[in-house]
C-alpha atoms as a PDB file:
ATOM      1  CA  MET A   1       6.630 -60.137 -12.755  1.00  0.00           C
ATOM      2  CA  ALA A   2       3.189 -58.829 -11.839  1.00  0.00           C
ATOM      3  CA  LYS A   3       2.076 -58.662  -8.257  1.00  0.00           C
ATOM      4  CA  SER A   4      -0.997 -60.689  -7.368  1.00  0.00           C
ATOM      5  CA  GLU A   5      -2.932 -61.337  -4.189  1.00  0.00           C
ATOM      6  CA  SER A   6      -1.291 -64.746  -3.715  1.00  0.00           C
ATOM      7  CA  THR A   7       2.219 -63.735  -4.732  1.00  0.00           C
ATOM      8  CA  LYS A   8       4.585 -61.546  -2.717  1.00  0.00           C
ATOM      9  CA  ILE A   9       7.814 -60.322  -4.276  1.00  0.00           C
ATOM     10  CA  GLU A  10      10.984 -60.566  -2.228  1.00  0.00           C
ATOM     11  CA  PHE A  11      13.332 -57.683  -2.959  1.00  0.00           C
ATOM     12  CA  GLY A  12      17.103 -58.066  -2.766  1.00  0.00           C
ATOM     13  CA  TYR A  13      19.756 -55.924  -1.069  1.00  0.00           C
ATOM     14  CA  PHE A  14      22.117 -53.345  -2.551  1.00  0.00           C
ATOM     15  CA  HIS A  15      25.815 -54.163  -2.528  1.00  0.00           C
ATOM     16  CA  ASP A  16      28.669 -51.698  -2.872  1.00  0.00           C
ATOM     17  CA  TYR A  17      27.796 -49.038  -5.514  1.00  0.00           C
ATOM     18  CA  GLU A  18      24.847 -50.809  -7.104  1.00  0.00           C
ATOM     19  CA  SER A  19      22.457 -48.060  -6.022  1.00  0.00           C
ATOM     20  CA  GLU A  20      24.217 -45.542  -8.276  1.00  0.00           C
ATOM     21  CA  GLN A  21      23.334 -47.394 -11.457  1.00  0.00           C
ATOM     22  CA  PHE A  22      19.646 -46.534 -11.204  1.00  0.00           C
ATOM     23  CA  ALA A  23      17.759 -43.337 -11.995  1.00  0.00           C
ATOM     24  CA  PHE A  24      16.122 -41.566  -9.067  1.00  0.00           C
ATOM     25  CA  TYR A  25      13.831 -38.656  -8.516  1.00  0.00           C
ATOM     26  CA  ARG A  26      15.442 -36.151  -6.181  1.00  0.00           C
ATOM     27  CA  ILE A  27      13.444 -34.305  -3.568  1.00  0.00           C
ATOM     28  CA  PRO A  28      15.235 -31.476  -1.761  1.00  0.00           C
ATOM     29  CA  LYS A  29      15.974 -32.358   1.862  1.00  0.00           C
ATOM     30  CA  VAL A  30      15.054 -28.850   2.938  1.00  0.00           C
ATOM     31  CA  LEU A  31      11.395 -29.595   2.195  1.00  0.00           C
ATOM     32  CA  PHE A  32      11.452 -32.049   5.101  1.00  0.00           C
ATOM     33  CA  THR A  33      13.810 -30.281   7.501  1.00  0.00           C
ATOM     34  CA  ASP A  34      12.937 -26.603   7.223  1.00  0.00           C
ATOM     35  CA  GLU A  35      10.163 -25.197   9.391  1.00  0.00           C
ATOM     36  CA  TYR A  36       8.803 -23.129   6.491  1.00  0.00           C
ATOM     37  CA  PHE A  37       7.770 -26.271   4.553  1.00  0.00           C
ATOM     38  CA  ARG A  38       6.418 -28.190   7.558  1.00  0.00           C
ATOM     39  CA  ASN A  39       2.756 -27.838   6.546  1.00  0.00           C
ATOM     40  CA  LEU A  40       3.405 -28.920   2.948  1.00  0.00           C
ATOM     41  CA  SER A  41       1.987 -32.395   2.348  1.00  0.00           C
ATOM     42  CA  SER A  42       4.213 -35.314   1.376  1.00  0.00           C
ATOM     43  CA  ASP A  43       2.387 -35.613  -1.958  1.00  0.00           C
ATOM     44  CA  ALA A  44       3.163 -31.988  -2.768  1.00  0.00           C
ATOM     45  CA  LYS A  45       6.834 -32.522  -1.901  1.00  0.00           C
ATOM     46  CA  VAL A  46       7.008 -35.586  -4.146  1.00  0.00           C
ATOM     47  CA  LEU A  47       5.318 -33.733  -7.000  1.00  0.00           C
ATOM     48  CA  TYR A  48       7.795 -30.867  -6.646  1.00  0.00           C
ATOM     49  CA  GLY A  49      10.637 -33.399  -6.975  1.00  0.00           C
ATOM     50  CA  LEU A  50       9.025 -34.738 -10.164  1.00  0.00           C
ATOM     51  CA  MET A  51       8.770 -31.228 -11.543  1.00  0.00           C
ATOM     52  CA  LEU A  52      12.428 -30.546 -10.778  1.00  0.00           C
ATOM     53  CA  ASP A  53      13.292 -33.666 -12.762  1.00  0.00           C
ATOM     54  CA  ARG A  54      11.144 -32.419 -15.652  1.00  0.00           C
ATOM     55  CA  MET A  55      13.299 -29.268 -15.813  1.00  0.00           C
ATOM     56  CA  ALA A  56      16.058 -31.251 -17.543  1.00  0.00           C
ATOM     57  CA  LEU A  57      13.610 -32.107 -20.350  1.00  0.00           C
ATOM     58  CA  SER A  58      12.653 -28.439 -20.682  1.00  0.00           C
ATOM     59  CA  ILE A  59      16.285 -27.417 -21.061  1.00  0.00           C
ATOM     60  CA  ARG A  60      16.781 -30.010 -23.801  1.00  0.00           C
ATOM     61  CA  ASN A  61      13.646 -28.748 -25.585  1.00  0.00           C
ATOM     62  CA  ASN A  62      14.716 -25.115 -25.076  1.00  0.00           C
ATOM     63  CA  TRP A  63      11.498 -24.248 -23.254  1.00  0.00           C
ATOM     64  CA  VAL A  64      12.664 -20.812 -22.157  1.00  0.00           C
ATOM     65  CA  ASP A  65      10.639 -17.592 -22.192  1.00  0.00           C
ATOM     66  CA  ASN A  66      11.772 -14.137 -23.304  1.00  0.00           C
ATOM     67  CA  GLU A  67      13.216 -13.415 -19.856  1.00  0.00           C
ATOM     68  CA  GLY A  68      15.344 -16.554 -19.872  1.00  0.00           C
ATOM     69  CA  LYS A  69      13.175 -18.392 -17.322  1.00  0.00           C
ATOM     70  CA  VAL A  70      12.800 -22.140 -17.840  1.00  0.00           C
ATOM     71  CA  TYR A  71       9.285 -23.559 -17.744  1.00  0.00           C
ATOM     72  CA  ILE A  72       7.826 -27.054 -17.885  1.00  0.00           C
ATOM     73  CA  ILE A  73       4.605 -28.607 -19.123  1.00  0.00           C
ATOM     74  CA  PHE A  74       3.077 -30.899 -16.531  1.00  0.00           C
ATOM     75  CA  THR A  75      -0.633 -31.405 -17.141  1.00  0.00           C
ATOM     76  CA  LEU A  76      -3.222 -32.387 -14.565  1.00  0.00           C
ATOM     77  CA  GLU A  77      -3.580 -35.759 -16.291  1.00  0.00           C
ATOM     78  CA  GLN A  78       0.137 -36.381 -15.851  1.00  0.00           C
ATOM     79  CA  VAL A  79      -0.101 -35.409 -12.183  1.00  0.00           C
ATOM     80  CA  MET A  80      -2.928 -37.923 -11.739  1.00  0.00           C
ATOM     81  CA  GLU A  81      -0.879 -40.593 -13.503  1.00  0.00           C
ATOM     82  CA  TYR A  82       2.396 -40.049 -11.611  1.00  0.00           C
ATOM     83  CA  MET A  83       0.766 -39.550  -8.217  1.00  0.00           C
ATOM     84  CA  ASN A  84      -1.799 -42.318  -8.790  1.00  0.00           C
ATOM     85  CA  CYS A  85      -4.669 -40.127  -7.649  1.00  0.00           C
ATOM     86  CA  GLY A  86      -7.975 -38.749  -8.843  1.00  0.00           C
ATOM     87  CA  LYS A  87      -8.686 -35.370 -10.389  1.00  0.00           C
ATOM     88  CA  ASP A  88      -9.669 -33.635  -7.138  1.00  0.00           C
ATOM     89  CA  LYS A  89      -6.544 -34.842  -5.371  1.00  0.00           C
ATOM     90  CA  GLY A  90      -4.365 -33.748  -8.308  1.00  0.00           C
ATOM     91  CA  VAL A  91      -5.914 -30.263  -8.274  1.00  0.00           C
ATOM     92  CA  LYS A  92      -5.358 -30.036  -4.518  1.00  0.00           C
ATOM     93  CA  ILE A  93      -1.675 -31.010  -4.760  1.00  0.00           C
ATOM     94  CA  LEU A  94      -1.040 -28.441  -7.491  1.00  0.00           C
ATOM     95  CA  ALA A  95      -2.798 -25.792  -5.410  1.00  0.00           C
ATOM     96  CA  GLU A  96      -0.485 -26.538  -2.464  1.00  0.00           C
ATOM     97  CA  LEU A  97       2.534 -25.692  -4.586  1.00  0.00           C
ATOM     98  CA  ASP A  98       0.995 -22.800  -6.489  1.00  0.00           C
ATOM     99  CA  THR A  99       1.878 -19.147  -5.987  1.00  0.00           C
ATOM    100  CA  ASP A 100      -1.709 -17.905  -5.728  1.00  0.00           C
ATOM    101  CA  LYS A 101      -3.179 -20.431  -3.296  1.00  0.00           C
ATOM    102  CA  GLY A 102      -0.216 -22.357  -1.935  1.00  0.00           C
ATOM    103  CA  ILE A 103       3.340 -22.057  -0.741  1.00  0.00           C
ATOM    104  CA  GLY A 104       4.683 -20.521  -3.966  1.00  0.00           C
ATOM    105  CA  LEU A 105       7.076 -23.189  -5.295  1.00  0.00           C
ATOM    106  CA  ILE A 106       5.448 -23.152  -8.735  1.00  0.00           C
ATOM    107  CA  GLU A 107       3.745 -20.529 -10.864  1.00  0.00           C
ATOM    108  CA  ARG A 108       1.149 -21.596 -13.418  1.00  0.00           C
ATOM    109  CA  VAL A 109       0.424 -19.475 -16.487  1.00  0.00           C
ATOM    110  CA  LYS A 110      -2.543 -20.277 -18.714  1.00  0.00           C
ATOM    111  CA  ARG A 111      -2.005 -19.774 -22.455  1.00  0.00           C
ATOM    112  CA  GLY A 112      -5.507 -20.476 -23.751  1.00  0.00           C
ATOM    113  CA  LEU A 113      -6.438 -21.655 -27.265  1.00  0.00           C
ATOM    114  CA  GLY A 114      -6.288 -25.268 -26.131  1.00  0.00           C
ATOM    115  CA  LYS A 115      -2.602 -25.028 -25.245  1.00  0.00           C
ATOM    116  CA  PRO A 116      -1.442 -26.675 -22.009  1.00  0.00           C
ATOM    117  CA  THR A 117      -0.658 -24.476 -19.027  1.00  0.00           C
ATOM    118  CA  ILE A 118       3.030 -23.767 -18.547  1.00  0.00           C
ATOM    119  CA  ILE A 119       4.575 -24.081 -15.100  1.00  0.00           C
ATOM    120  CA  TYR A 120       7.537 -22.155 -13.748  1.00  0.00           C
ATOM    121  CA  VAL A 121       9.259 -24.264 -11.103  1.00  0.00           C
ATOM    122  CA  LYS A 122      10.693 -21.869  -8.556  1.00  0.00           C
ATOM    123  CA  SER A 123      13.827 -22.392  -6.500  1.00  0.00           C
ATOM    124  CA  PHE A 124      13.332 -23.901  -3.057  1.00  0.00           C
ATOM    125  CA  VAL A 125      16.312 -21.896  -1.755  1.00  0.00           C
ATOM    126  CA  TYR A 126      15.232 -18.793   0.119  1.00  0.00           C
ATOM    127  CA  ARG A 127      16.784 -16.392   2.573  1.00  0.00           C
ATOM    128  CA  LYS A 128      15.271 -15.744   5.952  1.00  0.00           C
ATOM    129  CA  GLU A 129      16.792 -12.259   5.836  1.00  0.00           C
ATOM    130  CA  LYS A 130      14.406 -11.354   3.042  1.00  0.00           C
ATOM    131  CA  VAL A 131      11.457 -12.323   5.181  1.00  0.00           C
ATOM    132  CA  LEU A 132      12.822 -10.184   8.004  1.00  0.00           C
ATOM    133  CA  ASP A 133      13.428  -7.310   5.610  1.00  0.00           C
ATOM    134  CA  SER A 134       9.848  -7.478   4.418  1.00  0.00           C
ATOM    135  CA  ALA A 135       8.641  -7.410   8.024  1.00  0.00           C
ATOM    136  CA  GLU A 136      10.879  -4.424   8.717  1.00  0.00           C
ATOM    137  CA  ASN A 137       9.550  -2.727   5.612  1.00  0.00           C
ATOM    138  CA  ASP A 138       6.009  -3.317   6.868  1.00  0.00           C
ATOM    139  CA  ASN A 139       6.941  -1.741  10.198  1.00  0.00           C
ATOM    140  CA  ARG A 140       8.599   1.172   8.442  1.00  0.00           C
ATOM    141  CA  SER A 141       5.567   1.659   6.213  1.00  0.00           C
ATOM    142  CA  GLN A 142       3.344   1.640   9.302  1.00  0.00           C
ATOM    143  CA  GLU A 143       5.585   4.234  10.965  1.00  0.00           C
ATOM    144  CA  VAL A 144       5.541   6.360   7.826  1.00  0.00           C
ATOM    145  CA  GLY A 145       1.779   6.012   7.712  1.00  0.00           C
ATOM    146  CA  LYS A 146       1.493   7.158  11.314  1.00  0.00           C
ATOM    147  CA  ALA A 147       3.793  10.106  10.613  1.00  0.00           C
ATOM    148  CA  GLU A 148       1.698  11.050   7.597  1.00  0.00           C
ATOM    149  CA  VAL A 149      -1.469  10.852   9.661  1.00  0.00           C
ATOM    150  CA  LYS A 150       0.081  13.066  12.338  1.00  0.00           C
ATOM    151  CA  SER A 151       1.351  15.554   9.770  1.00  0.00           C
ATOM    152  CA  SER A 152      -2.042  15.584   8.089  1.00  0.00           C
ATOM    153  CA  GLU A 153      -3.689  16.256  11.435  1.00  0.00           C
ATOM    154  CA  LYS A 154      -1.426  19.196  12.304  1.00  0.00           C
ATOM    155  CA  PRO A 155      -2.527  21.442   9.425  1.00  0.00           C
ATOM    156  CA  LYS A 156      -6.110  20.763  10.388  1.00  0.00           C
ATOM    157  CA  SER A 157      -5.537  22.077  13.910  1.00  0.00           C
ATOM    158  CA  GLY A 158      -3.575  24.982  12.472  1.00  0.00           C
ATOM    159  CA  SER A 159      -6.327  25.732  10.004  1.00  0.00           C
ATOM    160  CA  ARG A 160      -8.829  25.633  12.840  1.00  0.00           C
ATOM    161  CA  LYS A 161      -6.702  28.132  14.781  1.00  0.00           C
ATOM    162  CA  ASN A 162      -6.419  30.342  11.711  1.00  0.00           C
ATOM    163  CA  ARG A 163     -10.145  30.152  11.198  1.00  0.00           C
ATOM    164  CA  SER A 164     -10.770  31.086  14.827  1.00  0.00           C
ATOM    165  CA  LEU A 165      -8.335  34.023  14.511  1.00  0.00           C
ATOM    166  CA  GLU A 166      -9.986  35.174  11.306  1.00  0.00           C
ATOM    167  CA  PHE A 167     -13.371  34.872  12.937  1.00  0.00           C
ATOM    168  CA  GLY A 168     -12.101  36.907  15.896  1.00  0.00           C
ATOM    169  CA  LYS A 169     -10.745  39.565  13.560  1.00  0.00           C
ATOM    170  CA  THR A 170     -14.056  39.849  11.759  1.00  0.00           C
ATOM    171  CA  GLU A 171     -15.855  40.141  15.078  1.00  0.00           C
ATOM    172  CA  VAL A 172     -13.454  42.883  16.177  1.00  0.00           C
ATOM    173  CA  GLN A 173     -13.925  44.674  12.897  1.00  0.00           C
ATOM    174  CA  LYS A 174     -17.673  44.408  13.269  1.00  0.00           C
ATOM    175  CA  SER A 175     -17.474  45.805  16.814  1.00  0.00           C
ATOM    176  CA  GLU A 176     -15.161  48.630  15.697  1.00  0.00           C
ATOM    177  CA  LYS A 177     -17.530  49.888  13.008  1.00  0.00           C
ATOM    178  CA  PRO A 178     -20.158  51.356  15.396  1.00  0.00           C
ATOM    179  CA  THR A 179     -17.492  53.133  17.466  1.00  0.00           C
ATOM    180  CA  LEU A 180     -16.057  54.718  14.336  1.00  0.00           C
ATOM    181  CA  ILE A 181     -19.503  55.955  13.331  1.00  0.00           C
ATOM    182  CA  ILE A 182     -20.059  57.414  16.800  1.00  0.00           C
ATOM    183  CA  LEU A 183     -16.693  59.192  16.686  1.00  0.00           C
ATOM    184  CA  ILE A 184     -17.456  60.662  13.275  1.00  0.00           C
ATOM    185  CA  ILE A 185     -20.825  61.908  14.505  1.00  0.00           C
ATOM    186  CA  ILE A 186     -19.229  63.520  17.586  1.00  0.00           C
ATOM    187  CA  ILE A 187     -16.596  65.208  15.411  1.00  0.00           C
ATOM    188  CA  LEU A 188     -19.289  66.557  13.090  1.00  0.00           C
ATOM    189  CA  ILE A 189     -21.243  67.927  16.046  1.00  0.00           C
ATOM    190  CA  LEU A 190     -18.142  69.638  17.404  1.00  0.00           C
ATOM    191  CA  VAL A 191     -17.408  71.155  14.005  1.00  0.00           C
ATOM    192  CA  ILE A 192     -20.979  72.463  13.778  1.00  0.00           C
ATOM    193  CA  LEU A 193     -20.751  73.937  17.274  1.00  0.00           C
ATOM    194  CA  ILE A 194     -17.477  75.643  16.425  1.00  0.00           C
ATOM    195  CA  LEU A 195     -18.987  77.083  13.270  1.00  0.00           C
ATOM    196  CA  VAL A 196     -21.989  78.338  15.190  1.00  0.00           C
ATOM    197  CA  ILE A 197     -19.761  80.002  17.800  1.00  0.00           C
ATOM    198  CA  LEU A 198     -17.630  81.583  15.105  1.00  0.00           C
ATOM    199  CA  THR A 199     -20.664  83.005  13.356  1.00  0.00           C
ATOM    200  CA  GLU A 200     -21.938  84.473  16.617  1.00  0.00           C
ATOM    201  CA  VAL A 201     -18.542  86.018  17.332  1.00  0.00           C
ATOM    202  CA  ILE A 202     -18.445  87.537  13.878  1.00  0.00           C
ATOM    203  CA  LEU A 203     -21.926  88.948  14.333  1.00  0.00           C
ATOM    204  CA  ILE A 204     -21.036  90.490  17.677  1.00  0.00           C
ATOM    205  CA  LEU A 205     -17.887  92.060  16.249  1.00  0.00           C
ATOM    206  CA  SER A 206     -19.773  93.475  13.320  1.00  0.00           C
ATOM    207  CA  ILE A 207     -22.344  95.013  15.675  1.00  0.00           C
ATOM    208  CA  PHE A 208     -19.633  96.703  17.702  1.00  0.00           C
ATOM    209  CA  GLN A 209     -18.128  98.155  14.548  1.00  0.00           C
ATOM    210  CA  ILE A 210     -21.465  99.604  13.468  1.00  0.00           C
ATOM    211  CA  LEU A 211     -22.247 101.276  16.801  1.00  0.00           C
ATOM    212  CA  PRO A 212     -19.415 103.889  16.796  1.00  0.00           C
ATOM    213  CA  ASN A 213     -20.414 105.054  13.306  1.00  0.00           C
ATOM    214  CA  SER A 214     -24.009 105.590  14.485  1.00  0.00           C
ATOM    215  CA  SER A 215     -22.879 107.774  17.417  1.00  0.00           C
ATOM    216  CA  GLN A 216     -21.110 110.103  15.055  1.00  0.00           C
ATOM    217  CA  TRP A 217     -24.303 110.589  13.134  1.00  0.00           C
ATOM    218  CA  ILE A 218     -26.093 111.758  16.210  1.00  0.00           C
END
């Protein structure tokens, strides 16, 4: 019976187990109760429930990749049809769920060549410990980074000290060179003086040896 402006349908009540004889789409309760999914729109939550239902079809069709991961095919046109929305709204809902731009409950992989994009529906179950671990890892990486910076700075200061010591050594060596030259010159002068004195002594001795011989001649 079609709904018209002048006709209003009156729906009946469920009795006993009548509700179990119908097919339902299941949306995980955690999407509504967990703080992590609070900012996810109701449309995105409904679409995720539809995609979970589509997983059963994928298993029957053996849509499994080489790594054993199940994927579905849920085109934008189908999103627009199921969600009763336009193209822009459909794109926005998919982006909310997507790994790249959204919360990460689905991962879309384009195949090209006119083939429809495949979608990996990811599990809504997550562990808060993993989030904490990642934060701890970030802190550890920051601490390691600081330690590396400090260790990289130490050799620089050491190298500066070494350079200053080497510079000091070269300056000392430069200052020592003139003193060595002066000492060598002084030693040479002393040697010359000693030689001169020795020659004079030899001359004097030779003169004294000659004189006695000359007296005998007289």
